[in-house]
Amino acid sequence: MQAKVPAHHCSQHESFDVIFERARSGDNGAMLQVLDLLQPEMERMACFIKMPREESIQEIKSQLIELIRKN
């Protein structure tokens, strides 16, 4: 899954790559930024999961956090 994130969404002109790397290294603030940036895509994907919408989004977020932290 690749998300196209316009640079203007990232605070202080940081690229998504920089924020993502900070999240991988344990920066919780950066993790929140990644989740915020990917929120529209997670909401779109949630409609394909046969669970209530909020539960689907929460599951996507938890799986994403786990993947980011592991790699």
N, C-alpha and C. Protein backbone atom coordinates (compact mmCIF):
# COMPACT_ATOMS: atom_id res chain seq x y z
N MET A 1 0.85 -1.17 0.00
CA MET A 1 0.00 0.00 0.00
C MET A 1 0.89 1.23 0.00
N GLN A 2 0.74 2.05 -0.98
CA GLN A 2 1.46 3.31 -1.02
C GLN A 2 0.46 4.44 -1.00
N ALA A 3 0.69 5.36 -0.11
CA ALA A 3 -0.20 6.52 -0.03
C ALA A 3 0.50 7.72 -0.63
N LYS A 4 -0.22 8.46 -1.42
CA LYS A 4 0.32 9.70 -1.96
C LYS A 4 -0.03 10.80 -0.99
N VAL A 5 0.98 11.35 -0.36
CA VAL A 5 0.77 12.38 0.65
C VAL A 5 1.41 13.66 0.16
N PRO A 6 0.60 14.66 -0.16
CA PRO A 6 1.17 15.93 -0.60
C PRO A 6 2.07 16.53 0.47
N ALA A 7 3.16 17.13 0.06
CA ALA A 7 4.15 17.68 0.99
C ALA A 7 3.55 18.76 1.88
N HIS A 8 2.54 19.50 1.39
CA HIS A 8 2.00 20.59 2.19
C HIS A 8 1.24 20.11 3.42
N HIS A 9 0.94 18.80 3.50
CA HIS A 9 0.28 18.27 4.69
C HIS A 9 1.25 18.04 5.83
N CYS A 10 2.52 17.93 5.54
CA CYS A 10 3.52 17.65 6.56
C CYS A 10 3.95 18.94 7.23
N SER A 11 4.05 18.89 8.56
CA SER A 11 4.38 20.09 9.30
C SER A 11 5.82 20.51 9.06
N GLN A 12 6.03 21.79 9.04
CA GLN A 12 7.34 22.39 8.90
C GLN A 12 8.11 21.84 7.71
N HIS A 13 7.42 21.55 6.64
CA HIS A 13 8.00 21.12 5.37
C HIS A 13 8.77 19.81 5.45
N GLU A 14 8.46 18.99 6.44
CA GLU A 14 9.08 17.68 6.52
C GLU A 14 8.41 16.77 5.50
N SER A 15 9.19 15.97 4.83
CA SER A 15 8.61 15.03 3.88
C SER A 15 8.01 13.85 4.65
N PHE A 16 7.11 13.16 4.00
CA PHE A 16 6.50 11.99 4.61
C PHE A 16 7.56 10.98 5.01
N ASP A 17 8.59 10.82 4.16
CA ASP A 17 9.66 9.87 4.46
C ASP A 17 10.35 10.18 5.79
N VAL A 18 10.61 11.45 6.03
CA VAL A 18 11.28 11.85 7.28
C VAL A 18 10.38 11.56 8.48
N ILE A 19 9.11 11.92 8.36
CA ILE A 19 8.17 11.67 9.45
C ILE A 19 8.03 10.17 9.69
N PHE A 20 7.95 9.40 8.62
CA PHE A 20 7.82 7.95 8.73
C PHE A 20 9.04 7.35 9.44
N GLU A 21 10.22 7.78 9.07
CA GLU A 21 11.44 7.27 9.70
C GLU A 21 11.48 7.62 11.19
N ARG A 22 11.02 8.83 11.53
CA ARG A 22 10.96 9.22 12.94
C ARG A 22 9.99 8.32 13.69
N ALA A 23 8.86 7.99 13.05
CA ALA A 23 7.87 7.09 13.66
C ALA A 23 8.47 5.71 13.87
N ARG A 24 9.22 5.24 12.90
CA ARG A 24 9.87 3.92 13.02
C ARG A 24 10.87 3.88 14.16
N SER A 25 11.50 5.01 14.42
CA SER A 25 12.52 5.04 15.47
C SER A 25 11.91 5.27 16.86
N GLY A 26 10.58 5.35 16.95
CA GLY A 26 9.93 5.43 18.25
C GLY A 26 9.34 6.78 18.61
N ASP A 27 9.37 7.74 17.71
CA ASP A 27 8.81 9.07 17.97
C ASP A 27 7.29 9.00 17.91
N ASN A 28 6.63 9.09 19.06
CA ASN A 28 5.17 8.96 19.11
C ASN A 28 4.46 10.12 18.41
N GLY A 29 5.03 11.30 18.47
CA GLY A 29 4.45 12.44 17.77
C GLY A 29 4.45 12.22 16.27
N ALA A 30 5.55 11.67 15.77
CA ALA A 30 5.64 11.36 14.34
C ALA A 30 4.65 10.27 13.96
N MET A 31 4.46 9.30 14.87
CA MET A 31 3.49 8.23 14.60
C MET A 31 2.09 8.82 14.45
N LEU A 32 1.75 9.77 15.31
CA LEU A 32 0.44 10.42 15.21
C LEU A 32 0.31 11.19 13.90
N GLN A 33 1.40 11.82 13.46
CA GLN A 33 1.37 12.53 12.17
C GLN A 33 1.14 11.56 11.03
N VAL A 34 1.82 10.41 11.05
CA VAL A 34 1.63 9.39 10.01
C VAL A 34 0.18 8.94 9.98
N LEU A 35 -0.37 8.65 11.16
CA LEU A 35 -1.76 8.20 11.23
C LEU A 35 -2.72 9.28 10.72
N ASP A 36 -2.45 10.52 11.07
CA ASP A 36 -3.29 11.63 10.58
C ASP A 36 -3.22 11.75 9.07
N LEU A 37 -2.02 11.63 8.53
CA LEU A 37 -1.85 11.76 7.08
C LEU A 37 -2.53 10.62 6.32
N LEU A 38 -2.56 9.46 6.92
CA LEU A 38 -3.15 8.29 6.26
C LEU A 38 -4.62 8.07 6.61
N GLN A 39 -5.18 8.91 7.46
CA GLN A 39 -6.57 8.77 7.90
C GLN A 39 -7.57 8.67 6.73
N PRO A 40 -7.48 9.55 5.73
CA PRO A 40 -8.46 9.43 4.62
C PRO A 40 -8.39 8.08 3.91
N GLU A 41 -7.19 7.55 3.74
CA GLU A 41 -7.04 6.24 3.09
C GLU A 41 -7.58 5.13 3.98
N MET A 42 -7.35 5.23 5.28
CA MET A 42 -7.88 4.22 6.20
C MET A 42 -9.41 4.24 6.20
N GLU A 43 -10.00 5.41 6.15
CA GLU A 43 -11.46 5.52 6.11
C GLU A 43 -12.01 4.91 4.83
N ARG A 44 -11.31 5.12 3.72
CA ARG A 44 -11.75 4.54 2.45
C ARG A 44 -11.66 3.02 2.50
N MET A 45 -10.58 2.51 3.06
CA MET A 45 -10.39 1.06 3.12
C MET A 45 -11.35 0.39 4.09
N ALA A 46 -11.78 1.12 5.12
CA ALA A 46 -12.65 0.54 6.15
C ALA A 46 -13.97 0.03 5.57
N CYS A 47 -14.42 0.62 4.50
CA CYS A 47 -15.71 0.19 3.93
C CYS A 47 -15.62 -1.21 3.31
N PHE A 48 -14.41 -1.71 3.08
CA PHE A 48 -14.25 -3.04 2.49
C PHE A 48 -14.11 -4.14 3.55
N ILE A 49 -14.04 -3.76 4.80
CA ILE A 49 -13.90 -4.72 5.89
C ILE A 49 -15.28 -4.95 6.50
N LYS A 50 -15.62 -6.21 6.68
CA LYS A 50 -16.95 -6.55 7.18
C LYS A 50 -17.00 -6.48 8.70
N MET A 51 -16.82 -5.26 9.17
CA MET A 51 -16.89 -4.93 10.59
C MET A 51 -17.49 -3.54 10.67
N PRO A 52 -17.96 -3.14 11.84
CA PRO A 52 -18.40 -1.74 11.98
C PRO A 52 -17.25 -0.80 11.60
N ARG A 53 -17.58 0.31 11.00
CA ARG A 53 -16.60 1.26 10.45
C ARG A 53 -15.51 1.66 11.46
N GLU A 54 -15.92 2.06 12.66
CA GLU A 54 -14.95 2.51 13.65
C GLU A 54 -14.02 1.38 14.08
N GLU A 55 -14.55 0.18 14.21
CA GLU A 55 -13.72 -0.97 14.56
C GLU A 55 -12.73 -1.28 13.44
N SER A 56 -13.19 -1.14 12.20
CA SER A 56 -12.31 -1.38 11.06
C SER A 56 -11.15 -0.39 11.05
N ILE A 57 -11.46 0.88 11.26
CA ILE A 57 -10.42 1.91 11.26
C ILE A 57 -9.45 1.65 12.41
N GLN A 58 -9.95 1.30 13.57
CA GLN A 58 -9.09 1.01 14.71
C GLN A 58 -8.18 -0.17 14.43
N GLU A 59 -8.71 -1.20 13.80
CA GLU A 59 -7.90 -2.38 13.46
C GLU A 59 -6.82 -2.02 12.44
N ILE A 60 -7.17 -1.23 11.44
CA ILE A 60 -6.18 -0.79 10.45
C ILE A 60 -5.07 0.01 11.14
N LYS A 61 -5.44 0.91 12.03
CA LYS A 61 -4.45 1.71 12.75
C LYS A 61 -3.53 0.83 13.58
N SER A 62 -4.10 -0.10 14.31
CA SER A 62 -3.26 -0.94 15.17
C SER A 62 -2.31 -1.81 14.35
N GLN A 63 -2.79 -2.33 13.22
CA GLN A 63 -1.91 -3.12 12.36
C GLN A 63 -0.81 -2.26 11.74
N LEU A 64 -1.16 -1.05 11.35
CA LEU A 64 -0.18 -0.13 10.77
C LEU A 64 0.89 0.23 11.79
N ILE A 65 0.48 0.52 13.01
CA ILE A 65 1.44 0.84 14.07
C ILE A 65 2.39 -0.35 14.30
N GLU A 66 1.82 -1.53 14.35
CA GLU A 66 2.64 -2.72 14.55
C GLU A 66 3.65 -2.89 13.42
N LEU A 67 3.21 -2.71 12.18
CA LEU A 67 4.13 -2.83 11.04
C LEU A 67 5.23 -1.79 11.08
N ILE A 68 4.87 -0.56 11.40
CA ILE A 68 5.87 0.51 11.44
C ILE A 68 6.90 0.22 12.54
N ARG A 69 6.44 -0.19 13.69
CA ARG A 69 7.35 -0.43 14.83
C ARG A 69 8.25 -1.65 14.60
N LYS A 70 7.75 -2.67 13.92
CA LYS A 70 8.53 -3.88 13.68
C LYS A 70 9.64 -3.67 12.65
N ASN A 71 9.36 -2.87 11.64
CA ASN A 71 10.33 -2.72 10.55
C ASN A 71 11.21 -1.60 10.83
